[in-house]
C-alpha atoms as a PDB file:
ATOM      1  CA  MET A   1       0.024   0.270  -0.006  1.00  0.00           C
ATOM      2  CA  ALA A   2       2.918   2.386   0.710  1.00  0.00           C
ATOM      3  CA  THR A   3       4.379   1.916  -2.865  1.00  0.00           C
ATOM      4  CA  SER A   4       0.735   2.521  -4.199  1.00  0.00           C
ATOM      5  CA  THR A   5       0.395   5.665  -2.112  1.00  0.00           C
ATOM      6  CA  MET A   6       3.878   7.057  -3.310  1.00  0.00           C
ATOM      7  CA  ALA A   7       2.896   6.289  -7.004  1.00  0.00           C
ATOM      8  CA  ARG A   8      -0.322   8.194  -6.465  1.00  0.00           C
ATOM      9  CA  SER A   9       1.801  11.092  -5.110  1.00  0.00           C
ATOM     10  CA  ASP A  10       4.321  11.145  -7.965  1.00  0.00           C
ATOM     11  CA  ARG A  11       1.311  11.246 -10.535  1.00  0.00           C
ATOM     12  CA  THR A  12      -0.379  13.972  -8.819  1.00  0.00           C
ATOM     13  CA  THR A  13       3.272  15.836  -8.589  1.00  0.00           C
ATOM     14  CA  THR A  14       3.588  15.138 -12.613  1.00  0.00           C
ATOM     15  CA  THR A  15       0.233  16.466 -13.132  1.00  0.00           C
ATOM     16  CA  GLU A  16       0.631  19.804 -11.208  1.00  0.00           C
ATOM     17  CA  MET A  17       4.034  20.379 -12.501  1.00  0.00           C
ATOM     18  CA  ARG A  18       2.507  20.174 -15.976  1.00  0.00           C
ATOM     19  CA  TRP A  19      -0.421  22.568 -15.132  1.00  0.00           C
ATOM     20  CA  LEU A  20       2.513  24.791 -13.730  1.00  0.00           C
ATOM     21  CA  ALA A  21       4.236  24.558 -16.900  1.00  0.00           C
ATOM     22  CA  VAL A  22       1.220  25.780 -18.895  1.00  0.00           C
ATOM     23  CA  LEU A  23       0.884  28.422 -16.344  1.00  0.00           C
ATOM     24  CA  VAL A  24       4.129  29.635 -17.110  1.00  0.00           C
ATOM     25  CA  LEU A  25       3.837  29.838 -20.766  1.00  0.00           C
ATOM     26  CA  TYR A  26       0.600  31.570 -20.464  1.00  0.00           C
ATOM     27  CA  ALA A  27       2.282  34.168 -18.133  1.00  0.00           C
ATOM     28  CA  ALA A  28       5.122  34.715 -20.753  1.00  0.00           C
ATOM     29  CA  ALA A  29       2.440  34.887 -23.483  1.00  0.00           C
ATOM     30  CA  ILE A  30       0.536  37.796 -21.711  1.00  0.00           C
ATOM     31  CA  SER A  31       3.842  39.542 -21.030  1.00  0.00           C
ATOM     32  CA  GLY A  32       4.716  39.241 -24.603  1.00  0.00           C
ATOM     33  CA  ALA A  33       1.347  40.621 -25.658  1.00  0.00           C
ATOM     34  CA  ALA A  34       1.945  43.607 -23.256  1.00  0.00           C
ATOM     35  CA  ALA A  35       5.158  44.378 -24.705  1.00  0.00           C
ATOM     36  CA  ALA A  36       3.925  44.220 -28.105  1.00  0.00           C
ATOM     37  CA  ALA A  37       1.434  46.695 -27.357  1.00  0.00           C
ATOM     38  CA  ARG A  38       3.710  49.495 -26.512  1.00  0.00           C
ATOM     39  CA  VAL A  39       4.689  50.137 -29.967  1.00  0.00           C
ATOM     40  CA  ASP A  40       3.214  51.346 -33.235  1.00  0.00           C
ATOM     41  CA  THR A  41       3.222  49.145 -36.430  1.00  0.00           C
ATOM     42  CA  PHE A  42       2.821  50.004 -40.188  1.00  0.00           C
ATOM     43  CA  SER A  43       2.630  47.746 -43.168  1.00  0.00           C
ATOM     44  CA  TYR A  44       2.048  48.268 -46.652  1.00  0.00           C
ATOM     45  CA  PRO A  45       2.974  45.285 -49.016  1.00  0.00           C
ATOM     46  CA  ALA A  46       2.541  47.959 -51.828  1.00  0.00           C
ATOM     47  CA  PHE A  47       1.369  51.461 -52.838  1.00  0.00           C
ATOM     48  CA  ASP A  48      -1.954  51.391 -54.573  1.00  0.00           C
ATOM     49  CA  GLY A  49      -5.305  53.041 -54.777  1.00  0.00           C
ATOM     50  CA  THR A  50      -6.407  51.479 -51.685  1.00  0.00           C
ATOM     51  CA  THR A  51      -3.114  51.251 -49.203  1.00  0.00           C
ATOM     52  CA  THR A  52      -2.568  55.019 -50.041  1.00  0.00           C
ATOM     53  CA  ARG A  53      -5.880  56.328 -48.648  1.00  0.00           C
ATOM     54  CA  ASP A  54      -4.270  56.962 -45.364  1.00  0.00           C
ATOM     55  CA  LEU A  55      -0.716  58.310 -46.963  1.00  0.00           C
ATOM     56  CA  VAL A  56      -0.034  61.896 -48.203  1.00  0.00           C
ATOM     57  CA  ALA A  57       2.144  62.834 -51.076  1.00  0.00           C
ATOM     58  CA  ALA A  58       3.569  66.060 -50.963  1.00  0.00           C
ATOM     59  CA  THR A  59       5.957  68.263 -53.534  1.00  0.00           C
ATOM     60  CA  ASN A  60       7.664  71.513 -53.100  1.00  0.00           C
ATOM     61  CA  THR A  61       4.378  73.508 -53.856  1.00  0.00           C
ATOM     62  CA  SER A  62       1.480  71.235 -53.229  1.00  0.00           C
ATOM     63  CA  VAL A  63      -0.032  68.528 -50.711  1.00  0.00           C
ATOM     64  CA  LEU A  64      -2.096  65.758 -52.000  1.00  0.00           C
ATOM     65  CA  LEU A  65      -4.186  64.131 -49.295  1.00  0.00           C
ATOM     66  CA  PRO A  66      -5.102  61.361 -49.583  1.00  0.00           C
ATOM     67  CA  ALA A  67      -2.235  60.054 -51.907  1.00  0.00           C
ATOM     68  CA  ALA A  68      -4.695  57.729 -53.383  1.00  0.00           C
ATOM     69  CA  LEU A  69      -5.891  60.371 -55.617  1.00  0.00           C
ATOM     70  CA  LEU A  70      -2.585  59.757 -57.739  1.00  0.00           C
ATOM     71  CA  PHE A  71      -4.403  56.727 -59.038  1.00  0.00           C
ATOM     72  CA  ASP A  72      -7.377  58.808 -60.434  1.00  0.00           C
ATOM     73  CA  HIS A  73      -8.211  57.003 -63.875  1.00  0.00           C
ATOM     74  CA  ASP A  74      -8.783  60.818 -65.238  1.00  0.00           C
ATOM     75  CA  GLY A  75      -5.184  61.475 -64.891  1.00  0.00           C
ATOM     76  CA  ALA A  76      -5.645  64.461 -63.211  1.00  0.00           C
ATOM     77  CA  PHE A  77      -2.737  64.107 -60.874  1.00  0.00           C
ATOM     78  CA  ALA A  78      -0.378  62.403 -63.642  1.00  0.00           C
ATOM     79  CA  GLU A  79       2.102  65.388 -63.303  1.00  0.00           C
ATOM     80  CA  PHE A  80       2.389  65.004 -59.617  1.00  0.00           C
ATOM     81  CA  ASN A  81       3.369  61.499 -60.047  1.00  0.00           C
ATOM     82  CA  ARG A  82       6.386  62.898 -62.161  1.00  0.00           C
ATOM     83  CA  THR A  83       7.618  65.175 -59.580  1.00  0.00           C
ATOM     84  CA  GLU A  84      10.170  64.741 -57.136  1.00  0.00           C
ATOM     85  CA  GLY A  85       8.590  64.721 -53.805  1.00  0.00           C
ATOM     86  CA  PHE A  86       7.650  62.674 -50.483  1.00  0.00           C
ATOM     87  CA  LEU A  87       5.056  59.698 -49.965  1.00  0.00           C
ATOM     88  CA  LEU A  88       4.431  59.946 -46.158  1.00  0.00           C
ATOM     89  CA  LEU A  89       2.097  58.660 -43.223  1.00  0.00           C
ATOM     90  CA  SER A  90      -0.777  60.994 -43.127  1.00  0.00           C
ATOM     91  CA  GLY A  91       0.003  61.173 -39.398  1.00  0.00           C
ATOM     92  CA  THR A  92       2.945  61.977 -37.072  1.00  0.00           C
ATOM     93  CA  VAL A  93       4.858  59.561 -35.297  1.00  0.00           C
ATOM     94  CA  GLY A  94       6.540  60.120 -31.886  1.00  0.00           C
ATOM     95  CA  VAL A  95      10.312  60.754 -32.074  1.00  0.00           C
ATOM     96  CA  TRP A  96      11.223  62.253 -28.668  1.00  0.00           C
ATOM     97  CA  ARG A  97       9.833  63.846 -25.656  1.00  0.00           C
ATOM     98  CA  PRO A  98      11.545  66.882 -23.605  1.00  0.00           C
ATOM     99  CA  GLY A  99      12.374  66.358 -19.749  1.00  0.00           C
ATOM    100  CA  PRO A 100      12.733  69.309 -17.183  1.00  0.00           C
ATOM    101  CA  GLY A 101      13.653  72.283 -19.011  1.00  0.00           C
ATOM    102  CA  GLY A 102      12.711  71.123 -22.339  1.00  0.00           C
ATOM    103  CA  VAL A 103      15.747  69.275 -22.811  1.00  0.00           C
ATOM    104  CA  PRO A 104      15.274  65.843 -24.857  1.00  0.00           C
ATOM    105  CA  ALA A 105      14.858  62.999 -22.396  1.00  0.00           C
ATOM    106  CA  LEU A 106      13.244  60.138 -24.359  1.00  0.00           C
ATOM    107  CA  GLU A 107      13.941  59.167 -27.821  1.00  0.00           C
ATOM    108  CA  ALA A 108      11.911  56.424 -29.845  1.00  0.00           C
ATOM    109  CA  SER A 109      13.806  53.650 -31.080  1.00  0.00           C
ATOM    110  CA  PHE A 110      12.464  52.497 -34.568  1.00  0.00           C
ATOM    111  CA  ASN A 111      13.187  49.937 -37.312  1.00  0.00           C
ATOM    112  CA  THR A 112      11.669  49.761 -40.927  1.00  0.00           C
ATOM    113  CA  SER A 113      12.234  47.564 -43.732  1.00  0.00           C
ATOM    114  CA  PHE A 114      11.111  47.719 -47.289  1.00  0.00           C
ATOM    115  CA  THR A 115      12.208  45.848 -50.821  1.00  0.00           C
ATOM    116  CA  LEU A 116      13.442  48.340 -53.760  1.00  0.00           C
ATOM    117  CA  ALA A 117      12.203  46.908 -56.815  1.00  0.00           C
ATOM    118  CA  GLY A 118      13.116  49.313 -59.253  1.00  0.00           C
ATOM    119  CA  ALA A 119      16.509  50.885 -60.285  1.00  0.00           C
ATOM    120  CA  ALA A 120      16.081  54.552 -59.146  1.00  0.00           C
ATOM    121  CA  PRO A 121      17.315  55.978 -55.648  1.00  0.00           C
ATOM    122  CA  VAL A 122      14.395  56.193 -52.905  1.00  0.00           C
ATOM    123  CA  ALA A 123      15.369  57.803 -49.646  1.00  0.00           C
ATOM    124  CA  PHE A 124      13.806  56.841 -46.223  1.00  0.00           C
ATOM    125  CA  VAL A 125      12.972  60.142 -44.242  1.00  0.00           C
ATOM    126  CA  VAL A 126      12.292  61.546 -41.113  1.00  0.00           C
ATOM    127  CA  LEU A 127      10.881  65.014 -41.318  1.00  0.00           C
ATOM    128  CA  ASN A 128       9.569  67.632 -39.031  1.00  0.00           C
ATOM    129  CA  ASN A 129       5.990  68.166 -38.041  1.00  0.00           C
ATOM    130  CA  ARG A 130       5.045  70.337 -40.989  1.00  0.00           C
ATOM    131  CA  PHE A 131       5.533  69.783 -44.929  1.00  0.00           C
ATOM    132  CA  PRO A 132       8.526  71.526 -46.337  1.00  0.00           C
ATOM    133  CA  LEU A 133       6.616  73.628 -48.920  1.00  0.00           C
ATOM    134  CA  TYR A 134       8.282  76.353 -50.940  1.00  0.00           C
ATOM    135  CA  GLY A 135      11.798  75.607 -49.509  1.00  0.00           C
ATOM    136  CA  TRP A 136      14.881  77.672 -51.136  1.00  0.00           C
ATOM    137  CA  GLY A 137      16.640  75.661 -53.348  1.00  0.00           C
ATOM    138  CA  GLY A 138      13.662  72.760 -53.858  1.00  0.00           C
ATOM    139  CA  LEU A 139      13.341  69.655 -51.571  1.00  0.00           C
ATOM    140  CA  ARG A 140      16.956  68.653 -52.365  1.00  0.00           C
ATOM    141  CA  GLY A 141      17.953  71.982 -50.530  1.00  0.00           C
ATOM    142  CA  PHE A 142      20.417  74.701 -51.709  1.00  0.00           C
ATOM    143  CA  ALA A 143      23.423  73.183 -53.257  1.00  0.00           C
ATOM    144  CA  ASN A 144      25.687  75.632 -51.865  1.00  0.00           C
ATOM    145  CA  TYR A 145      25.008  74.431 -48.166  1.00  0.00           C
ATOM    146  CA  THR A 146      27.654  72.503 -46.344  1.00  0.00           C
ATOM    147  CA  SER A 147      28.478  71.894 -42.923  1.00  0.00           C
ATOM    148  CA  PRO A 148      30.625  69.697 -40.694  1.00  0.00           C
ATOM    149  CA  ASP A 149      27.687  69.053 -38.600  1.00  0.00           C
ATOM    150  CA  ASP A 150      25.686  67.194 -40.785  1.00  0.00           C
ATOM    151  CA  GLY A 151      27.009  63.801 -39.627  1.00  0.00           C
ATOM    152  CA  ALA A 152      26.513  62.587 -42.948  1.00  0.00           C
ATOM    153  CA  SER A 153      27.878  58.848 -43.467  1.00  0.00           C
ATOM    154  CA  SER A 154      27.951  56.656 -46.514  1.00  0.00           C
ATOM    155  CA  ALA A 155      28.865  52.967 -47.640  1.00  0.00           C
ATOM    156  CA  GLY A 156      28.478  50.939 -50.650  1.00  0.00           C
ATOM    157  CA  GLY A 157      28.155  47.347 -51.426  1.00  0.00           C
ATOM    158  CA  SER A 158      27.520  45.109 -54.296  1.00  0.00           C
ATOM    159  CA  LEU A 159      23.682  45.747 -54.393  1.00  0.00           C
ATOM    160  CA  ALA A 160      23.463  49.219 -53.105  1.00  0.00           C
ATOM    161  CA  SER A 161      25.266  52.660 -52.096  1.00  0.00           C
ATOM    162  CA  VAL A 162      23.720  54.081 -48.803  1.00  0.00           C
ATOM    163  CA  VAL A 163      24.181  57.876 -47.640  1.00  0.00           C
ATOM    164  CA  ALA A 164      22.456  58.550 -44.287  1.00  0.00           C
ATOM    165  CA  GLY A 165      22.295  62.417 -43.195  1.00  0.00           C
ATOM    166  CA  PRO A 166      19.846  65.212 -42.710  1.00  0.00           C
ATOM    167  CA  VAL A 167      16.951  66.294 -44.502  1.00  0.00           C
ATOM    168  CA  ARG A 168      17.661  69.791 -46.394  1.00  0.00           C
ATOM    169  CA  SER A 169      14.198  70.377 -47.567  1.00  0.00           C
ATOM    170  CA  TYR A 170      13.408  73.167 -45.089  1.00  0.00           C
ATOM    171  CA  GLY A 171      15.563  75.972 -46.212  1.00  0.00           C
ATOM    172  CA  PRO A 172      18.302  77.828 -44.649  1.00  0.00           C
ATOM    173  CA  ASP A 173      16.381  78.646 -41.224  1.00  0.00           C
ATOM    174  CA  GLU A 174      16.117  74.660 -40.808  1.00  0.00           C
ATOM    175  CA  PRO A 175      19.352  73.379 -42.970  1.00  0.00           C
ATOM    176  CA  ALA A 176      19.549  69.996 -41.212  1.00  0.00           C
ATOM    177  CA  VAL A 177      16.608  68.336 -40.371  1.00  0.00           C
ATOM    178  CA  GLY A 178      15.565  64.643 -39.136  1.00  0.00           C
ATOM    179  CA  LEU A 179      16.975  61.711 -41.022  1.00  0.00           C
ATOM    180  CA  ASN A 180      17.478  60.999 -44.724  1.00  0.00           C
ATOM    181  CA  VAL A 181      18.647  57.416 -45.530  1.00  0.00           C
ATOM    182  CA  THR A 182      19.155  57.489 -49.439  1.00  0.00           C
ATOM    183  CA  VAL A 183      19.658  53.884 -51.057  1.00  0.00           C
ATOM    184  CA  THR A 184      20.655  53.797 -54.620  1.00  0.00           C
ATOM    185  CA  PRO A 185      20.681  50.055 -56.203  1.00  0.00           C
ATOM    186  CA  ASN A 186      23.970  48.917 -57.884  1.00  0.00           C
ATOM    187  CA  GLY A 187      24.321  45.919 -59.931  1.00  0.00           C
ATOM    188  CA  THR A 188      21.546  44.166 -61.851  1.00  0.00           C
ATOM    189  CA  ALA A 189      19.802  42.270 -59.097  1.00  0.00           C
ATOM    190  CA  LEU A 190      15.674  42.222 -59.468  1.00  0.00           C
ATOM    191  CA  GLY A 191      15.372  43.593 -55.873  1.00  0.00           C
ATOM    192  CA  ARG A 192      17.031  44.362 -52.594  1.00  0.00           C
ATOM    193  CA  THR A 193      15.680  44.550 -49.103  1.00  0.00           C
ATOM    194  CA  VAL A 194      16.616  47.243 -46.909  1.00  0.00           C
ATOM    195  CA  TRP A 195      16.583  47.442 -43.063  1.00  0.00           C
ATOM    196  CA  VAL A 196      16.974  50.852 -41.340  1.00  0.00           C
ATOM    197  CA  GLU A 197      17.341  50.596 -37.687  1.00  0.00           C
ATOM    198  CA  TYR A 198      17.659  53.174 -34.903  1.00  0.00           C
ATOM    199  CA  ASP A 199      18.758  52.377 -31.451  1.00  0.00           C
ATOM    200  CA  ALA A 200      17.899  55.429 -29.215  1.00  0.00           C
ATOM    201  CA  ALA A 201      19.483  54.266 -26.026  1.00  0.00           C
ATOM    202  CA  ALA A 202      22.711  53.595 -28.068  1.00  0.00           C
ATOM    203  CA  HIS A 203      22.157  56.586 -30.319  1.00  0.00           C
ATOM    204  CA  ARG A 204      23.274  54.418 -33.167  1.00  0.00           C
ATOM    205  CA  LEU A 205      21.704  53.899 -36.793  1.00  0.00           C
ATOM    206  CA  SER A 206      22.636  50.959 -38.937  1.00  0.00           C
ATOM    207  CA  VAL A 207      21.632  49.968 -42.373  1.00  0.00           C
ATOM    208  CA  ARG A 208      21.452  46.517 -44.055  1.00  0.00           C
ATOM    209  CA  VAL A 209      21.029  45.196 -47.504  1.00  0.00           C
ATOM    210  CA  ALA A 210      20.201  41.949 -48.956  1.00  0.00           C
ATOM    211  CA  GLY A 211      18.914  40.520 -52.002  1.00  0.00           C
ATOM    212  CA  ALA A 212      15.241  40.182 -51.927  1.00  0.00           C
ATOM    213  CA  SER A 213      14.620  36.837 -51.001  1.00  0.00           C
ATOM    214  CA  GLU A 214      17.690  36.633 -48.772  1.00  0.00           C
ATOM    215  CA  PRO A 215      17.683  36.993 -44.700  1.00  0.00           C
ATOM    216  CA  ARG A 216      18.623  39.933 -42.827  1.00  0.00           C
ATOM    217  CA  PRO A 217      22.192  40.253 -42.781  1.00  0.00           C
ATOM    218  CA  THR A 218      23.976  39.883 -39.398  1.00  0.00           C
ATOM    219  CA  LYS A 219      26.637  42.529 -40.530  1.00  0.00           C
ATOM    220  CA  ALA A 220      25.290  46.209 -41.093  1.00  0.00           C
ATOM    221  CA  LEU A 221      26.486  47.604 -44.457  1.00  0.00           C
ATOM    222  CA  LEU A 222      26.486  51.161 -42.648  1.00  0.00           C
ATOM    223  CA  ASP A 223      26.576  51.893 -38.868  1.00  0.00           C
ATOM    224  CA  ALA A 224      26.794  55.450 -37.469  1.00  0.00           C
ATOM    225  CA  PRO A 225      26.048  57.646 -34.493  1.00  0.00           C
ATOM    226  CA  LEU A 226      22.836  59.285 -34.700  1.00  0.00           C
ATOM    227  CA  GLY A 227      20.821  61.543 -32.179  1.00  0.00           C
ATOM    228  CA  LEU A 228      17.554  62.478 -33.965  1.00  0.00           C
ATOM    229  CA  ALA A 229      16.600  64.977 -31.165  1.00  0.00           C
ATOM    230  CA  GLY A 230      20.011  66.918 -31.854  1.00  0.00           C
ATOM    231  CA  ARG A 231      19.076  67.297 -35.447  1.00  0.00           C
ATOM    232  CA  THR A 232      16.361  70.005 -34.494  1.00  0.00           C
ATOM    233  CA  THR A 233      13.755  67.521 -35.262  1.00  0.00           C
ATOM    234  CA  THR A 234      10.106  68.224 -33.812  1.00  0.00           C
ATOM    235  CA  GLU A 235       8.980  66.034 -30.806  1.00  0.00           C
ATOM    236  CA  ASN A 236       6.520  64.434 -33.779  1.00  0.00           C
ATOM    237  CA  ALA A 237       7.462  63.928 -37.159  1.00  0.00           C
ATOM    238  CA  PHE A 238       6.245  62.816 -40.673  1.00  0.00           C
ATOM    239  CA  VAL A 239       8.071  59.758 -41.959  1.00  0.00           C
ATOM    240  CA  GLY A 240       7.890  58.125 -44.944  1.00  0.00           C
ATOM    241  CA  PHE A 241       9.826  58.203 -48.286  1.00  0.00           C
ATOM    242  CA  PHE A 242      11.661  60.639 -50.830  1.00  0.00           C
ATOM    243  CA  ALA A 243      12.355  60.189 -54.587  1.00  0.00           C
ATOM    244  CA  ALA A 244      13.129  62.247 -57.733  1.00  0.00           C
ATOM    245  CA  GLY A 245       9.876  61.323 -58.824  1.00  0.00           C
ATOM    246  CA  ILE A 246       6.981  60.159 -56.512  1.00  0.00           C
ATOM    247  CA  GLN A 247       6.106  57.367 -59.203  1.00  0.00           C
ATOM    248  CA  ASP A 248       9.591  55.977 -58.376  1.00  0.00           C
ATOM    249  CA  ILE A 249       8.244  55.329 -54.819  1.00  0.00           C
ATOM    250  CA  ILE A 250       4.954  53.799 -55.910  1.00  0.00           C
ATOM    251  CA  VAL A 251       6.403  51.490 -58.356  1.00  0.00           C
ATOM    252  CA  GLY A 252       9.879  50.542 -56.808  1.00  0.00           C
ATOM    253  CA  VAL A 253       8.958  50.115 -52.850  1.00  0.00           C
ATOM    254  CA  ARG A 254       7.344  46.999 -51.891  1.00  0.00           C
ATOM    255  CA  ASP A 255       6.647  45.424 -48.485  1.00  0.00           C
ATOM    256  CA  TRP A 256       7.501  48.492 -46.049  1.00  0.00           C
ATOM    257  CA  ASP A 257       7.093  47.734 -42.445  1.00  0.00           C
ATOM    258  CA  LEU A 258       7.670  50.379 -39.827  1.00  0.00           C
ATOM    259  CA  THR A 259       7.832  49.533 -36.036  1.00  0.00           C
ATOM    260  CA  VAL A 260       8.164  52.668 -33.756  1.00  0.00           C
ATOM    261  CA  ASP A 261       8.375  52.481 -29.879  1.00  0.00           C
ATOM    262  CA  ARG A 262       5.630  54.265 -28.330  1.00  0.00           C
ATOM    263  CA  PHE A 263       6.246  56.739 -25.255  1.00  0.00           C
ATOM    264  CA  PRO A 264       5.091  55.709 -21.765  1.00  0.00           C
ATOM    265  CA  GLY A 265       1.449  57.254 -21.578  1.00  0.00           C
ATOM    266  CA  GLU A 266       0.931  57.321 -25.030  1.00  0.00           C
ATOM    267  CA  GLY A 267      -1.212  55.704 -27.569  1.00  0.00           C
ATOM    268  CA  ASP A 268      -4.665  55.044 -28.867  1.00  0.00           C
ATOM    269  CA  GLY A 269      -7.043  55.955 -26.098  1.00  0.00           C
ATOM    270  CA  LYS A 270      -9.309  53.281 -27.166  1.00  0.00           C
ATOM    271  CA  THR A 271      -6.863  50.539 -26.144  1.00  0.00           C
ATOM    272  CA  SER A 272      -4.635  52.264 -23.123  1.00  0.00           C
ATOM    273  CA  TRP A 273      -6.704  50.336 -20.796  1.00  0.00           C
ATOM    274  CA  TRP A 274      -6.121  47.096 -21.784  1.00  0.00           C
ATOM    275  CA  VAL A 275      -2.581  47.876 -22.717  1.00  0.00           C
ATOM    276  CA  ILE A 276      -1.952  48.788 -18.799  1.00  0.00           C
ATOM    277  CA  LEU A 277      -3.951  45.856 -18.118  1.00  0.00           C
ATOM    278  CA  LEU A 278      -1.932  43.271 -20.051  1.00  0.00           C
ATOM    279  CA  ALA A 279       1.027  44.868 -18.426  1.00  0.00           C
ATOM    280  CA  VAL A 280      -0.404  44.361 -14.866  1.00  0.00           C
ATOM    281  CA  LEU A 281      -1.624  41.305 -15.454  1.00  0.00           C
ATOM    282  CA  GLY A 282       1.555  39.682 -16.978  1.00  0.00           C
ATOM    283  CA  SER A 283       3.680  40.565 -13.989  1.00  0.00           C
ATOM    284  CA  VAL A 284       0.830  39.163 -11.777  1.00  0.00           C
ATOM    285  CA  ALA A 285       0.566  35.862 -13.508  1.00  0.00           C
ATOM    286  CA  ALA A 286       4.148  35.433 -13.566  1.00  0.00           C
ATOM    287  CA  THR A 287       4.544  36.162  -9.596  1.00  0.00           C
ATOM    288  CA  ALA A 288       1.701  33.884  -9.107  1.00  0.00           C
ATOM    289  CA  ALA A 289       3.353  31.030 -11.225  1.00  0.00           C
ATOM    290  CA  ILE A 290       6.662  31.489  -9.335  1.00  0.00           C
ATOM    291  CA  VAL A 291       4.765  31.134  -6.000  1.00  0.00           C
ATOM    292  CA  ALA A 292       2.387  28.105  -7.098  1.00  0.00           C
ATOM    293  CA  ALA A 293       5.628  26.427  -8.218  1.00  0.00           C
ATOM    294  CA  ALA A 294       7.207  26.741  -4.933  1.00  0.00           C
ATOM    295  CA  VAL A 295       4.226  25.864  -2.789  1.00  0.00           C
ATOM    296  CA  CYS A 296       3.513  22.539  -5.287  1.00  0.00           C
ATOM    297  CA  TYR A 297       7.204  21.683  -4.826  1.00  0.00           C
ATOM    298  CA  PHE A 298       7.290  22.136  -1.112  1.00  0.00           C
ATOM    299  CA  GLN A 299       3.464  20.318  -0.623  1.00  0.00           C
ATOM    300  CA  SER A 300       4.863  17.329  -2.910  1.00  0.00           C
ATOM    301  CA  ARG A 301       7.909  17.065  -0.904  1.00  0.00           C
ATOM    302  CA  ARG A 302       5.972  17.196   2.317  1.00  0.00           C
ATOM    303  CA  ARG A 303       3.710  14.425   0.971  1.00  0.00           C
ATOM    304  CA  ARG A 304       6.294  12.239   0.034  1.00  0.00           C
ATOM    305  CA  GLN A 305       8.148  12.356   3.434  1.00  0.00           C
ATOM    306  CA  LEU A 306       5.059  11.575   5.439  1.00  0.00           C
ATOM    307  CA  ASN A 307       4.072   8.709   3.064  1.00  0.00           C
ATOM    308  CA  ASN A 308       7.735   7.291   3.798  1.00  0.00           C
ATOM    309  CA  MET A 309       7.144   7.695   7.456  1.00  0.00           C
ATOM    310  CA  GLN A 310       3.723   5.689   7.583  1.00  0.00           C
ATOM    311  CA  PRO A 311       3.820   1.997   8.607  1.00  0.00           C
ATOM    312  CA  PRO A 312       2.914  -0.593   6.016  1.00  0.00           C
ATOM    313  CA  LYS A 313      -0.832  -1.643   6.244  1.00  0.00           C
ATOM    314  CA  ILE A 314      -1.524  -5.335   6.590  1.00  0.00           C
END
C-alpha cells in the first residue's frame, strides 16, 4: 500500500508540474502581448489606390491628401507622379519627448524594412511635423550648403550604396533636419531588401541590405552615431519616402514595414486601458506562477516524506 500511495503522489506531482508549465507559458504570452502593445506598427505590402488612402503625397508646392488621388483614372494628378516629392504617413509619429527644462529626455527607437524593386534611388526620411513647402532650393536643398555638423555617413556594397544624413528640404532656417537614408541600387539584381534601424539608447543608426529573397544580414552595411533629437527634429515627425519622382516610390517600394516605440502613457485612447491591464496581468501571472511552483514543490515533498514515514498496512 505504501508503494501505491507513493505512486499516486508522484502522478499528482507530475500533473501539477504540467499545469504549472502551462501557467508559466501563459504568463509569458501575456507579458509578450503587453510588450507588443507598446509599439506602433505600420505595414504596406504595396502602394496602390487602396493602401495609399491613409498616406499623403507632398511636393515643394503642393500636398495631396489622400495620396490615393494619384491613382485617379482621369489622370488629373499625372504630373504629380513625375515630380520629386514625398510619400508619407498622413499622421506624425513620436520621435522624442522633453524632460525638465525642455531638454530631450526620451527618444523612440524604430526599425523599418522595405524592398526596392526598381533601379531609381529612394530615400527613407524622418521630417519635421510640417511639410517643407516652398523651401529655397527645392526639396533637395540649396546646393551651396555644407556643414561639418551634418554627420553624414556613406557606405557601398554590390547591391546598393547608402548615404545617411539630414533632410535639407526646409531652407536655410532649418538646414539640417531629421533623417535621410538614401539607397541607390547597384548591379543587376531584381530587387534588394533594406533594413534601417535606430537604437535610441545607444544613439546608433544601422542600415543593412540583402537580395530580395535573402535573410537579414548580421553585419550592417552602414553603422553610424545618430541623435534625432539633436537634429532640430520636432517631437512628432512625418515619416516616409522621398524620390526624384513620386512614381519611383509607388513603383519601386514594396513590403514596407515600420515599427516605432511608443512613449509611456501615450497611444490610442481606445486601447490604453487594456495595454495597462495586460502589463499588470503579465507581472501578476508571472509572480503567481513562481509562487504556485514553490508551494506545489514543498507540498509534494511534504507528502512524500509523510508517506515514507507511515508504517505499511497489513
